[in-house]
Amino acid sequence: MSANDKVPHIPVMLDEIVGYLSPRPGGRYLDGTLGLAGHSLGLLRASGGQAELLCLDRDEQALSLARKRLEEFPGRALSYHTPFSGFEEAMEDAGWEMLDGAVLDLGVSSLQLDEAARGFSFNADGPLDMRMDATSGMDSAKVLVNRGHYEELRSIIRDLGDEPLGGKIARAIIRAREEAEITTTSRLAEIVFRAYPPDRRREARNHPATRTFMALRMAVNNEIGELREFLSRIVRHLKPGARVAIISFHSAEDREVKESFRHWAKGCRCPMEQAICTCDRTPVLKVLTKKPQLPTQLEMDRNPRSRSAKLRVAERLPFAEAAA
């Protein structure tokens, strides 16, 4: 058994992604979050191994394993160590101008969560890191937790984590770091746990640190900023009829996708009181999912990590200039 065969990996909403993108022989598709290549392999298999894939990931470990899995289709997938916001540079390097489809899966992979040394999870003790790319020069969660001021920590935990106790947790972190630097996931998890009132702990369905860890990970990796960059530019690279499919796992991510799709799907943007349109804007996208599509119950039972997934899909319309 090879090393990559041992890696547990179940791509989220794979059937839906393949169905919406309908990969065809000779088509060119972007997988901006390659992970362990689950979606890329699904697209290649659905095309009979005749599609072309441009695969991006900023996690070098995942990229290395994914490349081995993609050897099933020699020469059909080009892979790049870059965040998905860097897709234009990758396209230019590959000599690609336009895409027949694109997919993003914004979730954290099992590989990242299950390896204690990466510092993503409170379930196993490890260094407080959380960087998807340790070579990026970005600050780790350890730096953020120990140097961030109260307002910054409260905002991150409250807004990115949807955590109503953001202020209380931020104060607990600051008190704890005055005693000793917070360097491990287990210590941070304990600080958050103790910040929760006993009645909240009893009522919580998940570990009290779940939202705080998610918020810090999103802040460390600038996940919302990366998504905004991608959404602002991907439309210009879609052929007419090409589709972009995005799976999100957080309300802030889903909101960004929804609002961006709505922006590109809107035609005239003149003031409502203006009788005649003078902006000459036409819709660029057609939104195919008026509400986000959710995983089936069968998939959620098989893969519990898919439970919070939301899929939104839009299709590029012909004869429309993608002006900002």
Protein backbone atom coordinates (compact mmCIF):
# COMPACT_ATOMS: atom_id res chain seq x y z
CA MET A 1 0.00 0.00 0.00
CA SER A 2 1.45 3.39 -0.99
CA ALA A 3 1.66 6.36 1.34
CA ASN A 4 -1.09 8.18 -0.48
CA ASP A 5 -3.40 5.15 -0.29
CA LYS A 6 -3.22 5.41 3.49
CA VAL A 7 -4.46 9.00 3.51
CA PRO A 8 -8.16 9.13 4.48
CA HIS A 9 -9.86 11.49 2.08
CA ILE A 10 -13.48 11.91 1.09
CA PRO A 11 -14.09 14.88 -1.24
CA VAL A 12 -17.17 16.87 -0.23
CA MET A 13 -20.14 16.96 -2.65
CA LEU A 14 -18.12 15.32 -5.42
CA ASP A 15 -21.15 14.13 -7.40
CA GLU A 16 -22.62 17.64 -7.35
CA ILE A 17 -19.35 19.23 -8.50
CA VAL A 18 -18.94 16.77 -11.37
CA GLY A 19 -22.59 17.22 -12.32
CA TYR A 20 -22.43 21.01 -12.47
CA LEU A 21 -19.06 21.25 -14.23
CA SER A 22 -19.77 18.34 -16.64
CA PRO A 23 -16.09 17.97 -17.61
CA ARG A 24 -15.52 17.13 -21.28
CA PRO A 25 -12.51 15.86 -23.21
CA GLY A 26 -10.23 18.75 -24.07
CA GLY A 27 -11.86 21.07 -21.55
CA ARG A 28 -9.70 23.10 -19.20
CA TYR A 29 -10.66 23.23 -15.53
CA LEU A 30 -9.23 24.95 -12.45
CA ASP A 31 -9.14 23.24 -9.06
CA GLY A 32 -8.05 26.11 -6.84
CA THR A 33 -7.94 24.03 -3.66
CA LEU A 34 -6.38 20.75 -4.75
CA GLY A 35 -6.04 19.22 -1.29
CA LEU A 36 -5.63 15.48 -1.80
CA ALA A 37 -7.00 15.70 -5.36
CA GLY A 38 -10.46 14.29 -4.68
CA HIS A 39 -12.33 16.75 -6.87
CA SER A 40 -9.61 16.81 -9.55
CA LEU A 41 -9.63 13.03 -9.86
CA GLY A 42 -13.41 13.06 -10.07
CA LEU A 43 -13.35 15.59 -12.90
CA LEU A 44 -10.65 13.70 -14.78
CA ARG A 45 -12.45 10.37 -14.45
CA ALA A 46 -15.73 11.91 -15.57
CA SER A 47 -14.01 13.21 -18.72
CA GLY A 48 -12.56 9.81 -19.51
CA GLY A 49 -9.15 11.13 -18.55
CA GLN A 50 -9.21 13.61 -21.42
CA ALA A 51 -9.79 16.93 -19.62
CA GLU A 52 -6.95 19.22 -18.59
CA LEU A 53 -6.61 20.35 -14.97
CA LEU A 54 -4.81 23.29 -13.41
CA CYS A 55 -4.42 22.41 -9.74
CA LEU A 56 -3.39 24.85 -7.00
CA ASP A 57 -2.64 24.47 -3.30
CA ARG A 58 -0.57 26.43 -0.80
CA ASP A 59 0.00 23.35 1.38
CA GLU A 60 3.19 21.69 0.12
CA GLN A 61 2.53 18.44 1.97
CA ALA A 62 -0.92 18.06 0.43
CA LEU A 63 0.43 19.03 -2.98
CA SER A 64 3.08 16.33 -2.84
CA LEU A 65 0.55 13.63 -1.99
CA ALA A 66 -1.94 14.91 -4.56
CA ARG A 67 0.64 14.76 -7.34
CA LYS A 68 1.12 11.06 -6.64
CA ARG A 69 -2.62 10.45 -6.81
CA LEU A 70 -2.85 12.36 -10.09
CA GLU A 71 -0.31 10.03 -11.68
CA GLU A 72 -3.38 7.98 -12.60
CA PHE A 73 -3.74 10.47 -15.48
CA PRO A 74 -0.21 11.28 -16.70
CA GLY A 75 0.19 14.72 -18.23
CA ARG A 76 -3.43 15.78 -17.66
CA ALA A 77 -2.91 17.86 -14.51
CA LEU A 78 -0.53 20.77 -13.93
CA SER A 79 0.00 21.59 -10.26
CA TYR A 80 1.30 24.77 -8.59
CA HIS A 81 2.29 25.65 -5.05
CA THR A 82 0.24 28.82 -4.71
CA PRO A 83 -2.96 30.06 -3.02
CA PHE A 84 -6.02 30.09 -5.25
CA SER A 85 -5.88 33.89 -5.44
CA GLY A 86 -2.75 33.34 -7.56
CA PHE A 87 -4.61 31.47 -10.28
CA GLU A 88 -3.89 34.08 -12.95
CA GLU A 89 -0.13 33.65 -12.60
CA ALA A 90 -0.52 29.88 -12.79
CA MET A 91 -2.70 30.20 -15.91
CA GLU A 92 -0.13 32.46 -17.55
CA ASP A 93 2.68 30.03 -16.73
CA ALA A 94 0.66 27.16 -18.18
CA GLY A 95 -0.22 29.13 -21.31
CA TRP A 96 -3.93 29.07 -20.53
CA GLU A 97 -6.18 32.03 -21.33
CA MET A 98 -9.70 30.84 -20.49
CA LEU A 99 -11.37 28.15 -18.40
CA ASP A 100 -14.25 25.74 -19.00
CA GLY A 101 -14.92 25.52 -15.27
CA ALA A 102 -13.52 26.16 -11.81
CA VAL A 103 -14.01 24.71 -8.34
CA LEU A 104 -13.02 25.76 -4.83
CA ASP A 105 -13.45 23.67 -1.69
CA LEU A 106 -12.80 26.08 1.16
CA GLY A 107 -12.67 23.45 3.88
CA VAL A 108 -9.62 22.34 5.82
CA SER A 109 -8.46 18.89 4.75
CA SER A 110 -8.34 15.83 6.97
CA LEU A 111 -4.58 15.82 6.44
CA GLN A 112 -4.27 19.23 8.11
CA LEU A 113 -6.71 18.57 10.93
CA ASP A 114 -5.39 15.14 11.84
CA GLU A 115 -1.70 16.05 12.08
CA ALA A 116 -1.00 17.50 15.49
CA ALA A 117 2.22 19.20 14.38
CA ARG A 118 0.25 21.51 12.06
CA GLY A 119 -1.56 23.04 15.03
CA PHE A 120 -5.01 23.21 13.45
CA SER A 121 -6.91 21.06 15.92
CA PHE A 122 -7.62 21.14 19.64
CA ASN A 123 -8.15 17.35 19.63
CA ALA A 124 -4.41 16.64 19.72
CA ASP A 125 -1.69 18.64 21.42
CA GLY A 126 0.70 20.40 19.09
CA PRO A 127 2.44 23.71 18.40
CA LEU A 128 0.09 26.64 17.89
CA ASP A 129 0.70 27.23 14.18
CA MET A 130 -2.34 26.89 11.84
CA ARG A 131 -0.51 28.14 8.74
CA MET A 132 -1.49 26.29 5.57
CA ASP A 133 1.87 27.31 4.10
CA ALA A 134 4.61 27.61 6.71
CA THR A 135 6.94 29.07 4.05
CA SER A 136 4.65 31.99 3.23
CA GLY A 137 6.14 34.38 5.76
CA MET A 138 2.75 34.86 7.39
CA ASP A 139 2.52 34.98 11.18
CA SER A 140 1.43 31.82 12.97
CA ALA A 141 -1.49 31.55 15.36
CA LYS A 142 1.06 31.64 18.19
CA VAL A 143 2.10 35.15 17.14
CA LEU A 144 -1.49 36.32 16.77
CA VAL A 145 -2.62 34.92 20.11
CA ASN A 146 0.34 36.29 22.06
CA ARG A 147 0.67 39.70 20.40
CA GLY A 148 -2.82 40.59 19.23
CA HIS A 149 -4.55 43.33 21.21
CA TYR A 150 -7.95 42.82 22.80
CA GLU A 151 -10.04 44.49 20.09
CA GLU A 152 -8.31 42.50 17.36
CA LEU A 153 -8.76 39.15 19.09
CA ARG A 154 -12.36 39.89 20.03
CA SER A 155 -13.22 40.90 16.46
CA ILE A 156 -11.56 37.81 14.96
CA ILE A 157 -13.21 35.37 17.35
CA ARG A 158 -16.61 37.05 17.24
CA ASP A 159 -16.84 37.82 13.53
CA LEU A 160 -14.92 34.98 11.90
CA GLY A 161 -15.93 32.41 14.48
CA ASP A 162 -19.56 33.51 14.93
CA GLU A 163 -18.68 33.26 18.62
CA PRO A 164 -20.94 35.35 20.88
CA LEU A 165 -18.41 35.02 23.73
CA GLY A 166 -15.64 36.58 21.64
CA GLY A 167 -14.95 39.34 24.14
CA LYS A 168 -14.87 37.02 27.12
CA ILE A 169 -12.52 34.60 25.33
CA ALA A 170 -10.22 37.42 24.18
CA ARG A 171 -9.92 38.67 27.78
CA ALA A 172 -9.18 35.14 28.99
CA ILE A 173 -6.41 34.78 26.38
CA ILE A 174 -4.81 38.07 27.39
CA ARG A 175 -4.91 37.16 31.10
CA ALA A 176 -3.39 33.74 30.40
CA ARG A 177 -0.55 35.02 28.23
CA GLU A 178 0.47 37.48 30.97
CA GLU A 179 1.30 34.41 33.08
CA ALA A 180 3.08 32.48 30.32
CA GLU A 181 3.27 32.54 26.54
CA ILE A 182 0.60 30.40 24.86
CA THR A 183 2.46 27.99 22.60
CA THR A 184 0.32 24.84 22.24
CA THR A 185 -3.11 23.94 20.97
CA SER A 186 -3.99 22.13 24.19
CA ARG A 187 -3.30 25.19 26.35
CA LEU A 188 -5.33 27.48 24.11
CA ALA A 189 -8.19 24.98 24.08
CA GLU A 190 -8.13 24.84 27.88
CA ILE A 191 -8.18 28.64 28.13
CA VAL A 192 -11.24 28.84 25.86
CA PHE A 193 -12.93 25.95 27.69
CA ARG A 194 -12.53 27.70 31.04
CA ALA A 195 -13.80 30.99 29.57
CA TYR A 196 -17.12 29.31 28.84
CA PRO A 197 -19.64 29.45 31.69
CA PRO A 198 -20.46 25.93 33.01
CA ASP A 199 -24.02 26.06 31.69
CA ARG A 200 -22.76 26.95 28.19
CA ARG A 201 -20.32 24.05 28.31
CA ARG A 202 -23.12 21.63 29.14
CA GLU A 203 -25.33 22.95 26.35
CA ALA A 204 -22.62 23.11 23.66
CA ARG A 205 -22.88 20.45 20.94
CA ASN A 206 -19.20 20.86 20.08
CA HIS A 207 -16.06 21.59 22.07
CA PRO A 208 -16.16 25.23 23.26
CA ALA A 209 -12.90 25.93 21.40
CA THR A 210 -14.30 24.90 18.00
CA ARG A 211 -15.29 28.38 16.85
CA THR A 212 -12.23 30.10 18.26
CA PHE A 213 -9.84 27.72 16.51
CA MET A 214 -11.71 28.14 13.22
CA ALA A 215 -11.62 31.94 13.53
CA LEU A 216 -7.89 32.03 14.28
CA ARG A 217 -7.15 29.70 11.35
CA MET A 218 -9.14 31.92 9.00
CA ALA A 219 -7.33 35.03 10.24
CA VAL A 220 -3.85 33.47 10.09
CA ASN A 221 -4.38 32.38 6.48
CA ASN A 222 -6.32 35.50 5.37
CA GLU A 223 -9.02 33.19 4.03
CA ILE A 224 -11.68 35.84 3.46
CA GLY A 225 -9.18 38.11 1.71
CA GLU A 226 -8.05 35.26 -0.55
CA LEU A 227 -11.66 34.49 -1.45
CA ARG A 228 -12.45 38.12 -2.27
CA GLU A 229 -9.41 38.31 -4.56
CA PHE A 230 -10.47 35.16 -6.40
CA LEU A 231 -14.09 36.22 -6.78
CA SER A 232 -13.13 39.63 -8.13
CA ARG A 233 -11.11 38.15 -11.01
CA ILE A 234 -12.28 34.64 -11.87
CA VAL A 235 -15.24 35.76 -14.01
CA ARG A 236 -12.99 37.33 -16.64
CA HIS A 237 -11.35 33.95 -17.25
CA LEU A 238 -14.50 31.89 -17.75
CA LYS A 239 -15.63 30.96 -21.24
CA PRO A 240 -19.32 31.48 -22.06
CA GLY A 241 -21.17 28.57 -20.48
CA ALA A 242 -18.32 27.80 -18.07
CA ARG A 243 -19.30 27.31 -14.46
CA VAL A 244 -17.66 28.20 -11.16
CA ALA A 245 -18.58 26.07 -8.14
CA ILE A 246 -17.60 27.01 -4.59
CA ILE A 247 -18.06 24.94 -1.44
CA SER A 248 -17.90 26.97 1.76
CA PHE A 249 -18.10 25.93 5.40
CA HIS A 250 -18.56 29.24 7.15
CA SER A 251 -21.26 31.89 7.04
CA ALA A 252 -18.77 34.67 6.20
CA GLU A 253 -17.40 32.67 3.26
CA ASP A 254 -20.86 31.80 1.99
CA ARG A 255 -21.90 35.44 2.25
CA GLU A 256 -18.90 36.53 0.18
CA VAL A 257 -19.75 34.01 -2.54
CA LYS A 258 -23.44 34.90 -2.55
CA GLU A 259 -22.82 38.64 -2.77
CA SER A 260 -20.18 38.28 -5.47
CA PHE A 261 -22.39 36.06 -7.61
CA ARG A 262 -25.26 38.51 -7.11
CA HIS A 263 -23.00 41.40 -8.15
CA TRP A 264 -21.98 39.71 -11.41
CA ALA A 265 -25.53 38.54 -12.11
CA LYS A 266 -26.95 42.04 -11.81
CA GLY A 267 -27.50 44.05 -14.97
CA CYS A 268 -28.35 47.75 -14.82
CA ARG A 269 -26.96 49.49 -11.73
CA CYS A 270 -28.41 52.93 -12.32
CA PRO A 271 -30.30 54.55 -9.42
CA MET A 272 -33.86 53.25 -9.09
CA GLU A 273 -35.29 56.72 -9.65
CA GLN A 274 -33.48 57.03 -12.99
CA ALA A 275 -35.95 56.34 -15.82
CA ILE A 276 -33.42 55.44 -18.53
CA CYS A 277 -30.40 53.17 -18.11
CA THR A 278 -27.13 54.92 -18.86
CA CYS A 279 -24.67 52.38 -17.40
CA ASP A 280 -25.17 49.85 -20.21
CA ARG A 281 -24.27 47.01 -17.87
CA THR A 282 -25.51 43.53 -18.65
CA PRO A 283 -25.45 40.43 -16.42
CA VAL A 284 -22.20 38.48 -16.59
CA LEU A 285 -23.20 35.44 -14.54
CA LYS A 286 -26.33 33.37 -14.13
CA VAL A 287 -26.69 32.01 -10.61
CA LEU A 288 -27.67 28.34 -10.76
CA THR A 289 -28.18 27.89 -7.00
CA LYS A 290 -30.64 30.47 -5.70
CA LYS A 291 -30.07 28.95 -2.28
CA PRO A 292 -26.92 27.08 -1.36
CA GLN A 293 -27.07 23.36 -2.09
CA LEU A 294 -26.40 21.16 0.92
CA PRO A 295 -24.94 17.66 1.16
CA THR A 296 -27.35 14.76 1.15
CA GLN A 297 -28.12 13.02 4.43
CA LEU A 298 -26.29 9.97 3.10
CA GLU A 299 -23.13 12.01 2.55
CA MET A 300 -23.36 13.65 5.96
CA ASP A 301 -23.69 10.23 7.59
CA ARG A 302 -20.70 8.93 5.62
CA ASN A 303 -18.56 12.05 6.05
CA PRO A 304 -19.46 14.10 9.15
CA ARG A 305 -17.08 16.91 8.07
CA SER A 306 -19.43 17.67 5.18
CA ARG A 307 -22.29 18.71 7.47
CA SER A 308 -21.61 22.45 7.32
CA ALA A 309 -20.83 22.51 3.58
CA LYS A 310 -22.72 24.87 1.28
CA LEU A 311 -22.36 24.80 -2.50
CA ARG A 312 -23.06 27.76 -4.77
CA VAL A 313 -22.67 27.61 -8.55
CA ALA A 314 -22.84 30.25 -11.28
CA GLU A 315 -22.52 30.10 -15.07
CA ARG A 316 -20.76 32.59 -17.33
CA LEU A 317 -23.15 34.30 -19.74
CA PRO A 318 -22.11 35.06 -23.34
CA PHE A 319 -21.60 38.52 -24.86
CA ALA A 320 -21.09 40.38 -21.59
CA GLU A 321 -18.05 42.37 -20.59
CA ALA A 322 -16.92 41.56 -17.04
CA ALA A 323 -16.43 45.10 -15.79
CA ALA A 324 -15.92 45.52 -12.07
